[in-house]
Amino acid sequence: MIQLSTLVGLLGGLFLIAPVLMAPAPPSLCTALRTINDSLSHRRRYMKHNFPIQYTIRVHHKEIFKLSNISRMRLKIEELDNLVLQRLWFQVYKGVLIKIIRVMPLRHPSRSYTAELEKCFRDAEGIFMLSHRASMFQQELPERVQEIWDHLTEEPDRVPESSWQFASPKSLMDNFCRTMHCLFSECFASSEDQQDYCGIFHWRKGRKKDLQPES
């Protein structure tokens, strides 16, 4: 089913609307994602207050995956299937969660929280994989998405130094939460505080502060 999703790009003052191929998320996946969302509601405490001020970890620059990245891909890739972006989302945050856990000592006050969050994420990924035909995961990805995927799966010792960036655990989890609400919006449609995370307000929120340059 093709649904028009309003994706805003500032080009000569015009709003651009890109067609996005959408498929409803199964109830079991929505349940798992809502569990993750509940856990992420405590991210300020566990991902900011339990770390030193201005603490950052090293991640691949493609793992700084924001709403603006989603908007750009939807605008630049014709008839982009939302399932492709969802697959990419799971690949991105699988690596991000592992990197956060690895920097924590065993007795770090946020380690058990993050380990449980990572377990819930793996459960959701398993449900996502089982909810779609195996052939879907064997389909060729759009070139732009495949390029990102290749960067994410590259052996760490082969990644150029210029490809690494530093980000705070809190900012990574903020991106995690916001992109989840954008790509799986139907799972949160009944939430009282439901917002259009794919809309212009969230896309441009904090843009001057931390928008990463496209490479």
Protein backbone atom coordinates (compact mmCIF):
# COMPACT_ATOMS: atom_id res chain seq x y z
CA MET A 1 0.00 0.00 0.00
CA ILE A 2 1.33 3.42 -0.92
CA GLN A 3 0.83 6.13 1.65
CA LEU A 4 1.85 9.74 1.19
CA SER A 5 4.12 10.76 4.01
CA THR A 6 4.90 14.46 4.19
CA LEU A 7 8.65 14.84 4.18
CA VAL A 8 9.90 18.33 4.35
CA GLY A 9 12.94 19.61 2.54
CA LEU A 10 13.67 23.28 2.15
CA LEU A 11 14.15 23.78 -1.57
CA GLY A 12 13.21 27.16 -2.90
CA GLY A 13 10.76 27.50 -0.01
CA LEU A 14 8.67 24.57 -1.25
CA PHE A 15 7.46 21.56 0.74
CA LEU A 16 8.44 18.28 -0.91
CA ILE A 17 6.18 15.25 -0.60
CA ALA A 18 7.71 11.84 -1.26
CA PRO A 19 5.74 8.60 -1.74
CA VAL A 20 6.70 5.96 0.81
CA LEU A 21 5.77 2.29 0.58
CA MET A 22 4.27 1.37 3.94
CA ALA A 23 3.28 -1.96 5.50
CA PRO A 24 1.56 -2.26 8.90
CA ALA A 25 3.71 -3.54 11.75
CA PRO A 26 2.43 -6.77 13.36
CA PRO A 27 0.94 -6.41 16.88
CA SER A 28 3.72 -8.53 18.43
CA LEU A 29 6.37 -6.18 17.06
CA CYS A 30 4.47 -3.14 18.32
CA THR A 31 4.32 -4.70 21.78
CA ALA A 32 8.09 -5.22 21.76
CA LEU A 33 8.76 -1.69 20.53
CA ARG A 34 6.50 -0.19 23.17
CA THR A 35 8.52 -2.08 25.79
CA ILE A 36 11.66 -0.48 24.36
CA ASN A 37 9.93 2.90 24.41
CA ASP A 38 9.03 2.49 28.08
CA SER A 39 12.67 1.72 28.84
CA LEU A 40 13.88 4.70 26.84
CA SER A 41 11.70 7.00 28.93
CA HIS A 42 14.41 6.58 31.63
CA ARG A 43 17.32 7.35 29.29
CA ARG A 44 18.13 10.71 30.86
CA ARG A 45 18.91 9.08 34.18
CA TYR A 46 20.83 6.10 32.82
CA MET A 47 22.48 7.65 29.77
CA LYS A 48 23.27 11.12 31.10
CA HIS A 49 23.22 11.39 34.89
CA ASN A 50 25.24 8.19 35.38
CA PHE A 51 28.04 9.38 33.10
CA PRO A 52 30.61 12.15 33.54
CA ILE A 53 29.72 15.55 32.11
CA GLN A 54 30.36 15.70 28.34
CA TYR A 55 31.19 11.99 28.22
CA THR A 56 31.23 10.58 24.68
CA ILE A 57 31.88 7.25 22.99
CA ARG A 58 33.33 6.49 19.57
CA VAL A 59 30.86 5.32 16.93
CA HIS A 60 30.86 5.09 13.15
CA HIS A 61 29.49 8.31 11.71
CA LYS A 62 26.74 6.30 9.98
CA GLU A 63 25.57 5.21 13.45
CA ILE A 64 24.61 8.80 14.21
CA PHE A 65 21.30 8.06 12.54
CA LYS A 66 18.76 10.85 12.84
CA LEU A 67 15.36 11.92 11.58
CA SER A 68 17.14 14.13 9.06
CA ASN A 69 18.88 11.06 7.60
CA ILE A 70 15.52 9.36 7.10
CA SER A 71 14.06 12.48 5.47
CA ARG A 72 16.97 12.79 3.05
CA MET A 73 16.78 9.14 2.00
CA ARG A 74 13.04 9.34 1.46
CA LEU A 75 13.47 12.39 -0.72
CA LYS A 76 16.39 11.05 -2.74
CA ILE A 77 15.40 7.39 -3.21
CA GLU A 78 12.36 6.91 -5.40
CA GLU A 79 9.55 4.77 -3.92
CA LEU A 80 11.65 3.79 -0.93
CA ASP A 81 10.01 0.94 0.98
CA ASN A 82 9.68 1.68 4.69
CA LEU A 83 10.72 -1.91 5.41
CA VAL A 84 14.14 -1.07 3.99
CA LEU A 85 14.52 1.80 6.44
CA GLN A 86 13.32 -0.41 9.28
CA ARG A 87 15.94 -3.03 8.39
CA LEU A 88 18.58 -0.32 8.38
CA TRP A 89 17.32 1.00 11.74
CA PHE A 90 17.79 -2.40 13.36
CA GLN A 91 21.29 -2.70 11.88
CA VAL A 92 22.30 0.76 13.11
CA TYR A 93 21.11 0.47 16.69
CA LYS A 94 22.31 -3.09 17.12
CA GLY A 95 25.83 -1.71 16.81
CA VAL A 96 25.14 1.40 18.89
CA LEU A 97 23.82 -0.55 21.88
CA ILE A 98 26.76 -2.95 21.81
CA LYS A 99 29.24 -0.06 21.72
CA ILE A 100 27.60 1.59 24.73
CA ILE A 101 27.67 -1.64 26.74
CA ARG A 102 31.32 -2.26 25.90
CA VAL A 103 32.48 1.01 27.48
CA MET A 104 30.75 0.24 30.77
CA PRO A 105 32.55 -1.53 33.62
CA LEU A 106 30.61 -4.51 35.02
CA ARG A 107 29.53 -2.50 38.05
CA HIS A 108 28.54 0.63 36.16
CA PRO A 109 25.13 1.83 37.47
CA SER A 110 23.71 1.88 33.92
CA ARG A 111 25.04 -1.47 32.72
CA SER A 112 22.10 -3.67 33.75
CA TYR A 113 19.65 -1.12 32.32
CA THR A 114 21.49 -1.02 28.99
CA ALA A 115 21.89 -4.80 28.85
CA GLU A 116 18.15 -5.24 29.39
CA LEU A 117 17.42 -2.61 26.73
CA GLU A 118 19.70 -4.43 24.30
CA LYS A 119 17.91 -7.72 25.07
CA CYS A 120 14.53 -6.14 24.38
CA PHE A 121 15.95 -4.75 21.14
CA ARG A 122 17.16 -8.20 20.06
CA ASP A 123 13.72 -9.62 20.86
CA ALA A 124 12.10 -6.96 18.68
CA GLU A 125 14.55 -7.64 15.87
CA GLY A 126 13.73 -11.35 16.04
CA ILE A 127 10.02 -10.61 15.77
CA PHE A 128 10.68 -8.26 12.87
CA MET A 129 12.66 -10.94 11.02
CA LEU A 130 9.97 -13.59 11.56
CA SER A 131 7.19 -11.22 10.51
CA HIS A 132 8.39 -10.99 6.92
CA ARG A 133 9.22 -13.47 4.19
CA ALA A 134 12.85 -14.59 4.11
CA SER A 135 13.03 -13.44 0.49
CA MET A 136 12.45 -9.86 1.64
CA PHE A 137 15.81 -9.88 3.42
CA GLN A 138 17.52 -11.24 0.31
CA GLN A 139 16.33 -8.44 -1.94
CA GLU A 140 18.88 -6.00 -3.26
CA LEU A 141 18.95 -2.78 -1.28
CA PRO A 142 18.89 0.65 -2.95
CA GLU A 143 22.43 1.76 -3.69
CA ARG A 144 22.39 4.57 -1.15
CA VAL A 145 21.14 2.24 1.61
CA GLN A 146 23.57 -0.53 0.62
CA GLU A 147 26.44 1.92 0.97
CA ILE A 148 25.42 2.71 4.54
CA TRP A 149 24.93 -1.00 5.29
CA ASP A 150 28.42 -1.81 4.01
CA HIS A 151 29.93 0.87 6.25
CA LEU A 152 28.05 -0.49 9.28
CA THR A 153 29.18 -4.08 8.72
CA GLU A 154 32.80 -3.25 7.93
CA GLU A 155 35.43 -4.74 10.24
CA PRO A 156 36.35 -2.07 12.84
CA ASP A 157 40.08 -2.33 12.14
CA ARG A 158 39.42 -1.54 8.48
CA VAL A 159 37.37 1.59 9.16
CA PRO A 160 39.30 4.79 8.33
CA GLU A 161 39.95 7.04 11.29
CA SER A 162 37.99 9.80 9.57
CA SER A 163 34.83 7.66 9.69
CA TRP A 164 34.70 7.61 13.49
CA GLN A 165 32.88 10.29 15.45
CA PHE A 166 32.18 10.88 19.12
CA ALA A 167 28.69 11.17 20.56
CA SER A 168 27.18 11.07 24.03
CA PRO A 169 25.20 7.96 25.05
CA LYS A 170 22.20 10.22 25.73
CA SER A 171 22.23 11.76 22.24
CA LEU A 172 22.49 8.31 20.66
CA MET A 173 19.50 7.09 22.66
CA ASP A 174 17.56 10.25 21.76
CA ASN A 175 18.13 9.42 18.09
CA PHE A 176 17.20 5.80 18.79
CA CYS A 177 13.85 6.81 20.30
CA ARG A 178 12.91 9.48 17.76
CA THR A 179 13.73 7.38 14.69
CA MET A 180 11.80 4.46 16.16
CA HIS A 181 8.71 6.66 16.52
CA CYS A 182 9.15 7.85 12.94
CA LEU A 183 9.66 4.45 11.28
CA PHE A 184 7.14 2.52 13.41
CA SER A 185 4.65 5.33 13.98
CA GLU A 186 1.60 3.04 13.85
CA CYS A 187 2.84 1.28 16.98
CA PHE A 188 2.53 4.50 18.96
CA ALA A 189 -0.60 5.98 17.37
CA SER A 190 -2.65 5.56 20.55
CA SER A 191 -0.11 7.24 22.82
CA GLU A 192 -1.43 10.37 24.50
CA ASP A 193 1.74 12.26 23.66
CA GLN A 194 1.97 10.92 20.10
CA GLN A 195 3.74 13.37 17.81
CA ASP A 196 4.65 13.28 14.15
CA TYR A 197 8.33 12.43 14.52
CA CYS A 198 8.76 12.40 10.74
CA GLY A 199 7.38 15.94 10.48
CA ILE A 200 9.18 19.24 10.06
CA PHE A 201 9.20 20.16 13.77
CA HIS A 202 11.26 17.16 14.80
CA TRP A 203 13.34 17.12 11.62
CA ARG A 204 14.56 20.65 12.24
CA LYS A 205 14.60 20.54 16.05
CA GLY A 206 18.14 21.15 17.19
CA ARG A 207 19.34 21.29 13.58
CA LYS A 208 21.78 24.15 14.15
CA LYS A 209 23.15 22.46 17.24
CA ASP A 210 23.98 18.99 16.09
CA LEU A 211 23.04 18.21 12.49
CA GLN A 212 25.80 16.08 10.99
CA PRO A 213 27.03 16.89 7.46
CA GLU A 214 26.06 14.39 4.79
CA SER A 215 28.99 12.42 3.36
